[in-house]
Amino acid sequence: MAERADDRLVRLLGLVAYLDGAGPVRVEELARRFGVSPRQVREDVDALWVSGTPGYMPDDLIDFDAFSLDEGVVHLTRARGMTRPLRLGTREAVALVAALRAMHASPPVQADPDRAAVVGSALAKLTAATGEAASAVDVRLAGDGDPEVLAAVSAALADGRRLRIRYVNAADVASERDVDPVRLLTQDERTYLVAWCLRAGGRRTFRADRILAAEVLEAAAEPHDVDPDVDVSASVLASGGPGAPVATLVLASPARWVAEEVPAESVRDLPDGSFEVRLRVTNPAWLRRLLLSNAPDVRAVAPPEVAADVAAAARAALAAYGEASRSDTGSDTGGAPGAGA
């Protein structure tokens, strides 16, 4: 699975801070400390070598001793101010205290003891440094799931165990599933369980407030190569307010995941096994991609302008493909009379 950009950024900043205090360190030791391969450490050093402060002249860039690196040792020679202590104003510190308290209380953080310890430690230090102003901050999160369910999910994640859940989907159909939990996270004011569903044989995202019951099983959760994040496109749709335009889609049964993972105004099952879903759309480009990528399962689209937009995009793609094919075969130079009409 590809590494997320924000995860790498945190590691890059951590490398600079660590090397600034530790001095020269062998590549293998850095790899062990940061939980990556020696090759990744060298790629990180290469990335840092061309990073720095505005100006980006040689004297503005982070620098390392090239001769040491040839010997397998990373020696930071210029940090370019990346390790200077951050100075916060009172308002900035209070805002961070509020954010950290909300983060510490969230189910995803509570589900990971190591993560909870890190957030708790940072919160304690920042609260002490902020002083009396921090005591005025009162953050209370309204949970959107059954506390017992969230406790079971958190325990399964912490212990690496399989879960049996009873889940009701967007069409109000309840089912029982065995899943290998991957991650519990909060996005767009909702808590989601990202998991590998054994019944479906693939990645599924379950809204916590739709999990009716959860039981931690004895079986260990198996590792799966799945994206641990909720589809950002779902959050784009979810952000649509009451004034956002509504699209009505009729989709075949294989596209049922749309009803389960994308926030919908309503879902209605149809007699032939297909279903109708109504979505408030604030990002037409996302809806266009959704329909094009699931074209075999699309039965109807309303309003007409949405269908016309998707059809135009499909025709443009086919035309571009046809032009590329003609160019590859040279048909534009030796075609029959009238072929270009």
C-alpha atoms as a PDB file:
ATOM      1  CA  MET A   1       0.000   0.000   0.000  1.00  0.00           C
ATOM      2  CA  ALA A   2       1.346   3.440  -0.921  1.00  0.00           C
ATOM      3  CA  GLU A   3       2.516   5.599   1.965  1.00  0.00           C
ATOM      4  CA  ARG A   4       0.443   8.665   2.742  1.00  0.00           C
ATOM      5  CA  ALA A   5       2.171  11.998   2.140  1.00  0.00           C
ATOM      6  CA  ASP A   6       1.388  13.300   5.630  1.00  0.00           C
ATOM      7  CA  ASP A   7       2.924  10.209   7.259  1.00  0.00           C
ATOM      8  CA  ARG A   8       6.131  10.731   5.307  1.00  0.00           C
ATOM      9  CA  LEU A   9       6.214  14.437   6.150  1.00  0.00           C
ATOM     10  CA  VAL A  10       6.043  13.648   9.866  1.00  0.00           C
ATOM     11  CA  ARG A  11       8.914  11.178   9.484  1.00  0.00           C
ATOM     12  CA  LEU A  12      11.024  13.650   7.486  1.00  0.00           C
ATOM     13  CA  LEU A  13      10.636  16.316  10.157  1.00  0.00           C
ATOM     14  CA  GLY A  14      11.356  13.716  12.814  1.00  0.00           C
ATOM     15  CA  LEU A  15      14.556  12.672  11.057  1.00  0.00           C
ATOM     16  CA  VAL A  16      15.868  16.241  11.060  1.00  0.00           C
ATOM     17  CA  ALA A  17      15.021  16.761  14.727  1.00  0.00           C
ATOM     18  CA  TYR A  18      16.508  13.420  15.765  1.00  0.00           C
ATOM     19  CA  LEU A  19      19.729  13.818  13.781  1.00  0.00           C
ATOM     20  CA  ASP A  20      20.215  17.366  15.062  1.00  0.00           C
ATOM     21  CA  GLY A  21      20.404  16.038  18.608  1.00  0.00           C
ATOM     22  CA  ALA A  22      21.928  12.609  18.077  1.00  0.00           C
ATOM     23  CA  GLY A  23      24.709  13.455  15.632  1.00  0.00           C
ATOM     24  CA  PRO A  24      25.864  10.955  12.985  1.00  0.00           C
ATOM     25  CA  VAL A  25      23.738   7.773  12.987  1.00  0.00           C
ATOM     26  CA  ARG A  26      24.043   4.636  10.874  1.00  0.00           C
ATOM     27  CA  VAL A  27      21.374   4.107   8.217  1.00  0.00           C
ATOM     28  CA  GLU A  28      20.339   0.762   9.731  1.00  0.00           C
ATOM     29  CA  GLU A  29      19.812   2.343  13.154  1.00  0.00           C
ATOM     30  CA  LEU A  30      17.636   5.103  11.678  1.00  0.00           C
ATOM     31  CA  ALA A  31      15.634   2.491   9.782  1.00  0.00           C
ATOM     32  CA  ARG A  32      15.016   0.530  12.985  1.00  0.00           C
ATOM     33  CA  ARG A  33      14.120   3.621  14.998  1.00  0.00           C
ATOM     34  CA  PHE A  34      11.655   4.985  12.423  1.00  0.00           C
ATOM     35  CA  GLY A  35      10.214   1.613  11.381  1.00  0.00           C
ATOM     36  CA  VAL A  36      11.187   1.765   7.716  1.00  0.00           C
ATOM     37  CA  SER A  37      13.708   0.078   5.429  1.00  0.00           C
ATOM     38  CA  PRO A  38      17.309   1.330   4.984  1.00  0.00           C
ATOM     39  CA  ARG A  39      16.400   2.104   1.380  1.00  0.00           C
ATOM     40  CA  GLN A  40      13.550   4.339   2.576  1.00  0.00           C
ATOM     41  CA  VAL A  41      15.942   6.192   4.896  1.00  0.00           C
ATOM     42  CA  ARG A  42      18.226   6.942   1.951  1.00  0.00           C
ATOM     43  CA  GLU A  43      15.237   8.131  -0.112  1.00  0.00           C
ATOM     44  CA  ASP A  44      14.195  10.378   2.786  1.00  0.00           C
ATOM     45  CA  VAL A  45      17.690  11.862   2.975  1.00  0.00           C
ATOM     46  CA  ASP A  46      17.588  12.503  -0.784  1.00  0.00           C
ATOM     47  CA  ALA A  47      14.256  14.328  -0.338  1.00  0.00           C
ATOM     48  CA  LEU A  48      15.575  16.403   2.573  1.00  0.00           C
ATOM     49  CA  TRP A  49      18.702  17.274   0.618  1.00  0.00           C
ATOM     50  CA  VAL A  50      16.614  19.364  -1.789  1.00  0.00           C
ATOM     51  CA  SER A  51      14.423  20.896   0.932  1.00  0.00           C
ATOM     52  CA  GLY A  52      14.981  24.037   2.944  1.00  0.00           C
ATOM     53  CA  THR A  53      13.905  27.599   3.495  1.00  0.00           C
ATOM     54  CA  PRO A  54      12.601  30.066   0.856  1.00  0.00           C
ATOM     55  CA  GLY A  55      15.256  31.085  -1.614  1.00  0.00           C
ATOM     56  CA  TYR A  56      16.303  27.487  -2.278  1.00  0.00           C
ATOM     57  CA  MET A  57      19.873  28.444  -3.046  1.00  0.00           C
ATOM     58  CA  PRO A  58      22.586  26.037  -1.795  1.00  0.00           C
ATOM     59  CA  ASP A  59      22.922  27.926   1.496  1.00  0.00           C
ATOM     60  CA  ASP A  60      19.153  27.697   2.073  1.00  0.00           C
ATOM     61  CA  LEU A  61      18.934  23.901   1.888  1.00  0.00           C
ATOM     62  CA  ILE A  62      19.180  21.185   4.517  1.00  0.00           C
ATOM     63  CA  ASP A  63      22.568  19.544   4.093  1.00  0.00           C
ATOM     64  CA  PHE A  64      24.274  16.234   4.909  1.00  0.00           C
ATOM     65  CA  ASP A  65      27.827  14.969   4.740  1.00  0.00           C
ATOM     66  CA  ALA A  66      27.937  13.059   1.433  1.00  0.00           C
ATOM     67  CA  PHE A  67      31.106  11.165   2.345  1.00  0.00           C
ATOM     68  CA  SER A  68      29.522   9.850   5.575  1.00  0.00           C
ATOM     69  CA  LEU A  69      26.447   8.692   3.659  1.00  0.00           C
ATOM     70  CA  ASP A  70      28.704   6.723   1.291  1.00  0.00           C
ATOM     71  CA  GLU A  71      29.911   4.889   4.420  1.00  0.00           C
ATOM     72  CA  GLY A  72      26.351   4.141   5.566  1.00  0.00           C
ATOM     73  CA  VAL A  73      26.190   6.952   8.130  1.00  0.00           C
ATOM     74  CA  VAL A  74      23.724   9.871   8.052  1.00  0.00           C
ATOM     75  CA  HIS A  75      25.370  13.058   9.305  1.00  0.00           C
ATOM     76  CA  LEU A  76      23.207  16.197   9.316  1.00  0.00           C
ATOM     77  CA  THR A  77      25.370  19.298   8.858  1.00  0.00           C
ATOM     78  CA  ARG A  78      22.715  21.999   8.383  1.00  0.00           C
ATOM     79  CA  ALA A  79      19.184  21.836   9.782  1.00  0.00           C
ATOM     80  CA  ARG A  80      18.216  25.248   8.366  1.00  0.00           C
ATOM     81  CA  GLY A  81      16.181  26.158  11.447  1.00  0.00           C
ATOM     82  CA  MET A  82      13.935  23.096  11.267  1.00  0.00           C
ATOM     83  CA  THR A  83      14.701  22.290  14.915  1.00  0.00           C
ATOM     84  CA  ARG A  84      14.069  25.742  16.418  1.00  0.00           C
ATOM     85  CA  PRO A  85      11.492  25.641  19.248  1.00  0.00           C
ATOM     86  CA  LEU A  86       8.001  26.682  18.157  1.00  0.00           C
ATOM     87  CA  ARG A  87       6.731  29.813  19.899  1.00  0.00           C
ATOM     88  CA  LEU A  88       2.964  29.896  20.390  1.00  0.00           C
ATOM     89  CA  GLY A  89       0.760  32.786  21.395  1.00  0.00           C
ATOM     90  CA  THR A  90      -1.914  32.216  24.056  1.00  0.00           C
ATOM     91  CA  ARG A  91      -4.734  31.931  21.520  1.00  0.00           C
ATOM     92  CA  GLU A  92      -2.730  29.454  19.426  1.00  0.00           C
ATOM     93  CA  ALA A  93      -1.867  27.375  22.490  1.00  0.00           C
ATOM     94  CA  VAL A  94      -5.503  27.273  23.677  1.00  0.00           C
ATOM     95  CA  ALA A  95      -6.638  26.207  20.195  1.00  0.00           C
ATOM     96  CA  LEU A  96      -4.089  23.369  20.215  1.00  0.00           C
ATOM     97  CA  VAL A  97      -5.141  22.292  23.719  1.00  0.00           C
ATOM     98  CA  ALA A  98      -8.770  22.107  22.541  1.00  0.00           C
ATOM     99  CA  ALA A  99      -7.784  20.106  19.451  1.00  0.00           C
ATOM    100  CA  LEU A 100      -5.635  17.697  21.460  1.00  0.00           C
ATOM    101  CA  ARG A 101      -8.383  17.151  24.042  1.00  0.00           C
ATOM    102  CA  ALA A 102     -10.862  16.378  21.280  1.00  0.00           C
ATOM    103  CA  MET A 103      -8.351  14.060  19.626  1.00  0.00           C
ATOM    104  CA  HIS A 104      -7.539  12.284  22.907  1.00  0.00           C
ATOM    105  CA  ALA A 105     -11.239  11.652  23.591  1.00  0.00           C
ATOM    106  CA  SER A 106     -11.994  10.342  20.101  1.00  0.00           C
ATOM    107  CA  PRO A 107     -12.606   6.589  19.620  1.00  0.00           C
ATOM    108  CA  PRO A 108      -9.813   6.164  17.032  1.00  0.00           C
ATOM    109  CA  VAL A 109      -7.176   7.437  19.462  1.00  0.00           C
ATOM    110  CA  GLN A 110      -8.615   5.510  22.392  1.00  0.00           C
ATOM    111  CA  ALA A 111      -8.504   2.372  20.233  1.00  0.00           C
ATOM    112  CA  ASP A 112      -4.709   2.602  19.973  1.00  0.00           C
ATOM    113  CA  PRO A 113      -2.882   2.637  23.353  1.00  0.00           C
ATOM    114  CA  ASP A 114       0.374   3.880  21.812  1.00  0.00           C
ATOM    115  CA  ARG A 115      -1.368   6.702  19.989  1.00  0.00           C
ATOM    116  CA  ALA A 116      -3.372   7.625  23.092  1.00  0.00           C
ATOM    117  CA  ALA A 117      -0.153   7.770  25.139  1.00  0.00           C
ATOM    118  CA  VAL A 118       1.536  10.079  22.626  1.00  0.00           C
ATOM    119  CA  VAL A 119      -1.467  12.423  22.424  1.00  0.00           C
ATOM    120  CA  GLY A 120      -1.868  12.385  26.214  1.00  0.00           C
ATOM    121  CA  SER A 121       1.778  13.251  26.745  1.00  0.00           C
ATOM    122  CA  ALA A 122       1.649  16.139  24.279  1.00  0.00           C
ATOM    123  CA  LEU A 123      -1.578  17.387  25.851  1.00  0.00           C
ATOM    124  CA  ALA A 124      -0.136  17.327  29.374  1.00  0.00           C
ATOM    125  CA  LYS A 125       2.976  19.267  28.346  1.00  0.00           C
ATOM    126  CA  LEU A 126       1.051  21.862  26.370  1.00  0.00           C
ATOM    127  CA  THR A 127      -1.538  22.298  29.130  1.00  0.00           C
ATOM    128  CA  ALA A 128       1.212  22.909  31.688  1.00  0.00           C
ATOM    129  CA  ALA A 129       2.949  25.402  29.408  1.00  0.00           C
ATOM    130  CA  THR A 130      -0.286  27.278  28.632  1.00  0.00           C
ATOM    131  CA  GLY A 131      -1.185  27.769  32.283  1.00  0.00           C
ATOM    132  CA  GLU A 132      -4.518  29.130  33.477  1.00  0.00           C
ATOM    133  CA  ALA A 133      -5.821  29.797  29.958  1.00  0.00           C
ATOM    134  CA  ALA A 134      -5.963  26.049  29.316  1.00  0.00           C
ATOM    135  CA  SER A 135      -8.361  25.530  32.232  1.00  0.00           C
ATOM    136  CA  ALA A 136     -11.009  27.541  30.390  1.00  0.00           C
ATOM    137  CA  VAL A 137     -11.114  25.005  27.559  1.00  0.00           C
ATOM    138  CA  ASP A 138     -13.943  22.486  27.874  1.00  0.00           C
ATOM    139  CA  VAL A 139     -14.207  20.014  24.992  1.00  0.00           C
ATOM    140  CA  ARG A 140     -16.953  17.397  24.950  1.00  0.00           C
ATOM    141  CA  LEU A 141     -17.457  15.132  21.975  1.00  0.00           C
ATOM    142  CA  ALA A 142     -20.902  13.797  21.213  1.00  0.00           C
ATOM    143  CA  GLY A 143     -20.362  10.169  20.322  1.00  0.00           C
ATOM    144  CA  ASP A 144     -22.245   8.750  17.340  1.00  0.00           C
ATOM    145  CA  GLY A 145     -21.972   5.089  18.262  1.00  0.00           C
ATOM    146  CA  ASP A 146     -22.959   2.696  21.037  1.00  0.00           C
ATOM    147  CA  PRO A 147     -20.229   2.933  23.748  1.00  0.00           C
ATOM    148  CA  GLU A 148     -20.229  -0.860  24.140  1.00  0.00           C
ATOM    149  CA  VAL A 149     -19.758  -1.312  20.403  1.00  0.00           C
ATOM    150  CA  LEU A 150     -16.917   1.213  20.305  1.00  0.00           C
ATOM    151  CA  ALA A 151     -15.297  -0.497  23.298  1.00  0.00           C
ATOM    152  CA  ALA A 152     -15.437  -3.880  21.538  1.00  0.00           C
ATOM    153  CA  VAL A 153     -14.035  -2.431  18.309  1.00  0.00           C
ATOM    154  CA  SER A 154     -11.261  -0.681  20.225  1.00  0.00           C
ATOM    155  CA  ALA A 155     -10.377  -3.894  22.050  1.00  0.00           C
ATOM    156  CA  ALA A 156     -10.266  -5.879  18.808  1.00  0.00           C
ATOM    157  CA  LEU A 157      -7.976  -3.312  17.205  1.00  0.00           C
ATOM    158  CA  ALA A 158      -5.687  -3.169  20.228  1.00  0.00           C
ATOM    159  CA  ASP A 159      -5.425  -6.985  20.480  1.00  0.00           C
ATOM    160  CA  GLY A 160      -5.372  -7.742  16.745  1.00  0.00           C
ATOM    161  CA  ARG A 161      -8.545  -9.858  16.927  1.00  0.00           C
ATOM    162  CA  ARG A 162     -11.401 -10.541  14.518  1.00  0.00           C
ATOM    163  CA  LEU A 163     -14.827  -8.968  15.093  1.00  0.00           C
ATOM    164  CA  ARG A 164     -18.369 -10.204  14.579  1.00  0.00           C
ATOM    165  CA  ILE A 165     -20.689  -7.271  13.995  1.00  0.00           C
ATOM    166  CA  ARG A 166     -24.385  -6.837  13.369  1.00  0.00           C
ATOM    167  CA  TYR A 167     -24.722  -3.968  10.895  1.00  0.00           C
ATOM    168  CA  VAL A 168     -27.646  -2.112   9.328  1.00  0.00           C
ATOM    169  CA  ASN A 169     -26.890  -0.508   5.976  1.00  0.00           C
ATOM    170  CA  ALA A 170     -28.327   2.605   4.338  1.00  0.00           C
ATOM    171  CA  ALA A 171     -31.318   0.601   3.093  1.00  0.00           C
ATOM    172  CA  ASP A 172     -32.146  -0.470   6.681  1.00  0.00           C
ATOM    173  CA  VAL A 173     -31.150  -4.077   5.948  1.00  0.00           C
ATOM    174  CA  ALA A 174     -29.426  -5.751   8.906  1.00  0.00           C
ATOM    175  CA  SER A 175     -26.744  -8.404   8.469  1.00  0.00           C
ATOM    176  CA  GLU A 176     -24.140 -10.228  10.535  1.00  0.00           C
ATOM    177  CA  ARG A 177     -20.539 -10.147   9.359  1.00  0.00           C
ATOM    178  CA  ASP A 178     -17.134 -11.309  10.525  1.00  0.00           C
ATOM    179  CA  VAL A 179     -14.536  -8.634   9.824  1.00  0.00           C
ATOM    180  CA  ASP A 180     -10.837  -8.027  10.361  1.00  0.00           C
ATOM    181  CA  PRO A 181     -10.703  -4.449  11.717  1.00  0.00           C
ATOM    182  CA  VAL A 182      -8.112  -2.167  10.130  1.00  0.00           C
ATOM    183  CA  ARG A 183      -8.746   1.264  11.587  1.00  0.00           C
ATOM    184  CA  LEU A 184     -11.281   3.296  13.544  1.00  0.00           C
ATOM    185  CA  LEU A 185     -11.377   6.955  12.546  1.00  0.00           C
ATOM    186  CA  THR A 186     -13.474  10.091  12.706  1.00  0.00           C
ATOM    187  CA  GLN A 187     -14.233  12.137   9.618  1.00  0.00           C
ATOM    188  CA  ASP A 188     -16.919  14.714   8.890  1.00  0.00           C
ATOM    189  CA  GLU A 189     -18.366  14.327  12.410  1.00  0.00           C
ATOM    190  CA  ARG A 190     -18.830  10.584  11.900  1.00  0.00           C
ATOM    191  CA  THR A 191     -16.906   7.637  13.285  1.00  0.00           C
ATOM    192  CA  TYR A 192     -16.086   4.837  10.834  1.00  0.00           C
ATOM    193  CA  LEU A 193     -14.671   1.345  11.115  1.00  0.00           C
ATOM    194  CA  VAL A 194     -12.500   0.441   8.145  1.00  0.00           C
ATOM    195  CA  ALA A 195     -12.283  -3.347   7.927  1.00  0.00           C
ATOM    196  CA  TRP A 196     -11.859  -6.365   5.697  1.00  0.00           C
ATOM    197  CA  CYS A 197     -15.250  -8.064   5.409  1.00  0.00           C
ATOM    198  CA  LEU A 198     -14.907 -11.850   5.127  1.00  0.00           C
ATOM    199  CA  ARG A 199     -18.400 -12.229   3.672  1.00  0.00           C
ATOM    200  CA  ALA A 200     -17.770  -9.699   0.895  1.00  0.00           C
ATOM    201  CA  GLY A 201     -14.142 -10.692   0.468  1.00  0.00           C
ATOM    202  CA  GLY A 202     -13.029  -7.058   0.361  1.00  0.00           C
ATOM    203  CA  ARG A 203     -12.562  -3.746   2.128  1.00  0.00           C
ATOM    204  CA  ARG A 204     -15.682  -2.209   3.634  1.00  0.00           C
ATOM    205  CA  THR A 205     -16.356   0.948   5.635  1.00  0.00           C
ATOM    206  CA  PHE A 206     -18.929   0.721   8.445  1.00  0.00           C
ATOM    207  CA  ARG A 207     -20.450   3.750  10.120  1.00  0.00           C
ATOM    208  CA  ALA A 208     -20.172   3.296  13.875  1.00  0.00           C
ATOM    209  CA  ASP A 209     -23.710   4.460  14.551  1.00  0.00           C
ATOM    210  CA  ARG A 210     -25.024   1.679  12.273  1.00  0.00           C
ATOM    211  CA  ILE A 211     -23.175  -1.115  14.095  1.00  0.00           C
ATOM    212  CA  LEU A 212     -25.872  -2.592  16.331  1.00  0.00           C
ATOM    213  CA  ALA A 213     -23.592  -5.039  18.165  1.00  0.00           C
ATOM    214  CA  ALA A 214     -19.944  -6.093  18.140  1.00  0.00           C
ATOM    215  CA  GLU A 215     -18.271  -9.205  19.577  1.00  0.00           C
ATOM    216  CA  VAL A 216     -14.525  -9.769  19.807  1.00  0.00           C
ATOM    217  CA  LEU A 217     -13.702 -13.267  18.524  1.00  0.00           C
ATOM    218  CA  GLU A 218     -10.870 -15.569  19.513  1.00  0.00           C
ATOM    219  CA  ALA A 219      -9.464 -15.695  15.970  1.00  0.00           C
ATOM    220  CA  ALA A 220      -6.648 -13.314  15.166  1.00  0.00           C
ATOM    221  CA  ALA A 221      -7.301 -10.662  12.527  1.00  0.00           C
ATOM    222  CA  GLU A 222      -5.387 -11.407   9.345  1.00  0.00           C
ATOM    223  CA  PRO A 223      -3.363  -8.680   7.612  1.00  0.00           C
ATOM    224  CA  HIS A 224      -4.872  -7.228   4.432  1.00  0.00           C
ATOM    225  CA  ASP A 225      -3.496  -4.750   1.930  1.00  0.00           C
ATOM    226  CA  VAL A 226      -6.277  -2.178   2.166  1.00  0.00           C
ATOM    227  CA  ASP A 227      -6.457   1.613   2.243  1.00  0.00           C
ATOM    228  CA  PRO A 228      -7.057   2.479   5.936  1.00  0.00           C
ATOM    229  CA  ASP A 229      -8.853   5.739   5.185  1.00  0.00           C
ATOM    230  CA  VAL A 230     -12.471   6.602   4.511  1.00  0.00           C
ATOM    231  CA  ASP A 231     -13.015   7.606   0.882  1.00  0.00           C
ATOM    232  CA  VAL A 232     -12.505  11.382   0.753  1.00  0.00           C
ATOM    233  CA  SER A 233     -15.138  11.569  -1.935  1.00  0.00           C
ATOM    234  CA  ALA A 234     -17.738  10.522   0.598  1.00  0.00           C
ATOM    235  CA  SER A 235     -16.841  13.487   2.782  1.00  0.00           C
ATOM    236  CA  VAL A 236     -17.186  15.796  -0.207  1.00  0.00           C
ATOM    237  CA  LEU A 237     -20.733  14.586  -0.734  1.00  0.00           C
ATOM    238  CA  ALA A 238     -21.495  14.646   2.971  1.00  0.00           C
ATOM    239  CA  SER A 239     -20.582  18.318   3.163  1.00  0.00           C
ATOM    240  CA  GLY A 240     -23.494  19.252   0.906  1.00  0.00           C
ATOM    241  CA  GLY A 241     -26.066  21.308   2.771  1.00  0.00           C
ATOM    242  CA  PRO A 242     -29.805  21.369   2.213  1.00  0.00           C
ATOM    243  CA  GLY A 243     -29.321  23.713  -0.750  1.00  0.00           C
ATOM    244  CA  ALA A 244     -26.972  21.371  -2.624  1.00  0.00           C
ATOM    245  CA  PRO A 245     -28.407  19.817  -5.814  1.00  0.00           C
ATOM    246  CA  VAL A 246     -29.811  16.295  -5.588  1.00  0.00           C
ATOM    247  CA  ALA A 247     -28.882  13.492  -7.975  1.00  0.00           C
ATOM    248  CA  THR A 248     -30.953  10.313  -8.202  1.00  0.00           C
ATOM    249  CA  LEU A 249     -29.150   7.178  -9.351  1.00  0.00           C
ATOM    250  CA  VAL A 250     -30.531   3.738 -10.103  1.00  0.00           C
ATOM    251  CA  LEU A 251     -27.752   1.190  -9.725  1.00  0.00           C
ATOM    252  CA  ALA A 252     -27.499  -2.566 -10.111  1.00  0.00           C
ATOM    253  CA  SER A 253     -26.931  -4.757  -7.077  1.00  0.00           C
ATOM    254  CA  PRO A 254     -23.103  -5.083  -7.514  1.00  0.00           C
ATOM    255  CA  ALA A 255     -22.830  -1.339  -6.790  1.00  0.00           C
ATOM    256  CA  ARG A 256     -24.473  -1.717  -3.371  1.00  0.00           C
ATOM    257  CA  TRP A 257     -21.296  -0.352  -1.752  1.00  0.00           C
ATOM    258  CA  VAL A 258     -22.404   3.129  -2.875  1.00  0.00           C
ATOM    259  CA  ALA A 259     -25.399   2.976  -0.547  1.00  0.00           C
ATOM    260  CA  GLU A 260     -23.238   1.697   2.294  1.00  0.00           C
ATOM    261  CA  GLU A 261     -20.240   4.020   2.052  1.00  0.00           C
ATOM    262  CA  VAL A 262     -21.544   7.285   0.589  1.00  0.00           C
ATOM    263  CA  PRO A 263     -23.811   9.498   2.752  1.00  0.00           C
ATOM    264  CA  ALA A 264     -27.207   9.453   1.043  1.00  0.00           C
ATOM    265  CA  GLU A 265     -30.496  11.288   1.376  1.00  0.00           C
ATOM    266  CA  SER A 266     -32.389   8.024   0.856  1.00  0.00           C
ATOM    267  CA  VAL A 267     -31.987   4.488  -0.469  1.00  0.00           C
ATOM    268  CA  ARG A 268     -34.843   2.457  -1.974  1.00  0.00           C
ATOM    269  CA  ASP A 269     -34.704  -1.165  -3.121  1.00  0.00           C
ATOM    270  CA  LEU A 270     -36.420  -1.919  -6.430  1.00  0.00           C
ATOM    271  CA  PRO A 271     -38.258  -5.123  -7.421  1.00  0.00           C
ATOM    272  CA  ASP A 272     -35.661  -6.209 -10.010  1.00  0.00           C
ATOM    273  CA  GLY A 273     -32.842  -6.239  -7.427  1.00  0.00           C
ATOM    274  CA  SER A 274     -31.444  -2.818  -8.317  1.00  0.00           C
ATOM    275  CA  PHE A 275     -31.742   0.145  -5.958  1.00  0.00           C
ATOM    276  CA  GLU A 276     -32.309   3.881  -6.089  1.00  0.00           C
ATOM    277  CA  VAL A 277     -30.093   6.272  -4.144  1.00  0.00           C
ATOM    278  CA  ARG A 278     -30.515  10.046  -3.759  1.00  0.00           C
ATOM    279  CA  LEU A 279     -27.364  12.103  -3.098  1.00  0.00           C
ATOM    280  CA  ARG A 280     -26.776  15.787  -2.431  1.00  0.00           C
ATOM    281  CA  VAL A 281     -23.843  16.670  -4.666  1.00  0.00           C
ATOM    282  CA  THR A 282     -21.427  19.534  -4.045  1.00  0.00           C
ATOM    283  CA  ASN A 283     -18.718  18.126  -6.330  1.00  0.00           C
ATOM    284  CA  PRO A 284     -20.045  17.220  -9.807  1.00  0.00           C
ATOM    285  CA  ALA A 285     -16.597  15.966 -10.870  1.00  0.00           C
ATOM    286  CA  TRP A 286     -16.719  13.308  -8.157  1.00  0.00           C
ATOM    287  CA  LEU A 287     -20.178  12.142  -9.253  1.00  0.00           C
ATOM    288  CA  ARG A 288     -18.974  12.004 -12.871  1.00  0.00           C
ATOM    289  CA  ARG A 289     -16.031   9.777 -11.859  1.00  0.00           C
ATOM    290  CA  LEU A 290     -18.322   7.569  -9.772  1.00  0.00           C
ATOM    291  CA  LEU A 291     -20.714   6.967 -12.666  1.00  0.00           C
ATOM    292  CA  LEU A 292     -18.006   6.437 -15.277  1.00  0.00           C
ATOM    293  CA  SER A 293     -16.066   3.976 -13.137  1.00  0.00           C
ATOM    294  CA  ASN A 294     -19.253   1.999 -12.383  1.00  0.00           C
ATOM    295  CA  ALA A 295     -20.840   2.366 -15.837  1.00  0.00           C
ATOM    296  CA  PRO A 296     -21.877  -1.320 -16.208  1.00  0.00           C
ATOM    297  CA  ASP A 297     -23.997  -1.024 -13.054  1.00  0.00           C
ATOM    298  CA  VAL A 298     -25.658   2.325 -13.844  1.00  0.00           C
ATOM    299  CA  ARG A 299     -29.306   1.914 -14.848  1.00  0.00           C
ATOM    300  CA  ALA A 300     -30.597   5.507 -14.727  1.00  0.00           C
ATOM    301  CA  VAL A 301     -29.439   8.996 -13.753  1.00  0.00           C
ATOM    302  CA  ALA A 302     -31.463  12.106 -12.943  1.00  0.00           C
ATOM    303  CA  PRO A 303     -31.711  15.016 -13.429  1.00  0.00           C
ATOM    304  CA  PRO A 304     -31.107  14.925 -17.204  1.00  0.00           C
ATOM    305  CA  GLU A 305     -28.267  17.452 -17.101  1.00  0.00           C
ATOM    306  CA  VAL A 306     -26.236  15.109 -14.879  1.00  0.00           C
ATOM    307  CA  ALA A 307     -26.749  12.247 -17.326  1.00  0.00           C
ATOM    308  CA  ALA A 308     -25.799  14.558 -20.225  1.00  0.00           C
ATOM    309  CA  ASP A 309     -22.631  15.677 -18.430  1.00  0.00           C
ATOM    310  CA  VAL A 310     -21.533  12.078 -17.831  1.00  0.00           C
ATOM    311  CA  ALA A 311     -22.383  11.063 -21.390  1.00  0.00           C
ATOM    312  CA  ALA A 312     -20.334  13.978 -22.762  1.00  0.00           C
ATOM    313  CA  ALA A 313     -17.371  12.994 -20.599  1.00  0.00           C
ATOM    314  CA  ALA A 314     -17.629   9.384 -21.813  1.00  0.00           C
ATOM    315  CA  ARG A 315     -17.788  10.479 -25.475  1.00  0.00           C
ATOM    316  CA  ALA A 316     -14.763  12.738 -24.987  1.00  0.00           C
ATOM    317  CA  ALA A 317     -12.816   9.867 -23.435  1.00  0.00           C
ATOM    318  CA  LEU A 318     -13.750   7.514 -26.286  1.00  0.00           C
ATOM    319  CA  ALA A 319     -12.825  10.153 -28.860  1.00  0.00           C
ATOM    320  CA  ALA A 320      -9.443  10.701 -27.233  1.00  0.00           C
ATOM    321  CA  TYR A 321      -8.870   6.957 -27.157  1.00  0.00           C
ATOM    322  CA  GLY A 322      -9.813   6.708 -30.820  1.00  0.00           C
ATOM    323  CA  GLU A 323      -7.430   9.508 -31.761  1.00  0.00           C
ATOM    324  CA  ALA A 324      -4.613   7.816 -29.880  1.00  0.00           C
ATOM    325  CA  SER A 325      -5.364   4.513 -31.608  1.00  0.00           C
ATOM    326  CA  ARG A 326      -5.373   6.122 -35.066  1.00  0.00           C
ATOM    327  CA  SER A 327      -2.109   7.860 -34.276  1.00  0.00           C
ATOM    328  CA  ASP A 328      -0.507   4.586 -33.146  1.00  0.00           C
ATOM    329  CA  THR A 329      -1.598   2.701 -36.279  1.00  0.00           C
ATOM    330  CA  GLY A 330      -0.990   5.543 -38.717  1.00  0.00           C
ATOM    331  CA  SER A 331      -4.554   5.301 -40.027  1.00  0.00           C
ATOM    332  CA  ASP A 332      -4.731   9.106 -40.349  1.00  0.00           C
ATOM    333  CA  THR A 333      -2.286   9.004 -43.260  1.00  0.00           C
ATOM    334  CA  GLY A 334      -3.675   6.189 -45.344  1.00  0.00           C
ATOM    335  CA  GLY A 335      -7.372   6.033 -44.677  1.00  0.00           C
ATOM    336  CA  ALA A 336     -10.132   5.513 -47.196  1.00  0.00           C
ATOM    337  CA  PRO A 337     -11.675   8.547 -48.900  1.00  0.00           C
ATOM    338  CA  GLY A 338     -14.038  10.349 -46.562  1.00  0.00           C
ATOM    339  CA  ALA A 339     -12.654   8.637 -43.449  1.00  0.00           C
ATOM    340  CA  GLY A 340     -11.981  11.978 -41.792  1.00  0.00           C
ATOM    341  CA  ALA A 341     -15.491  13.326 -42.355  1.00  0.00           C
END
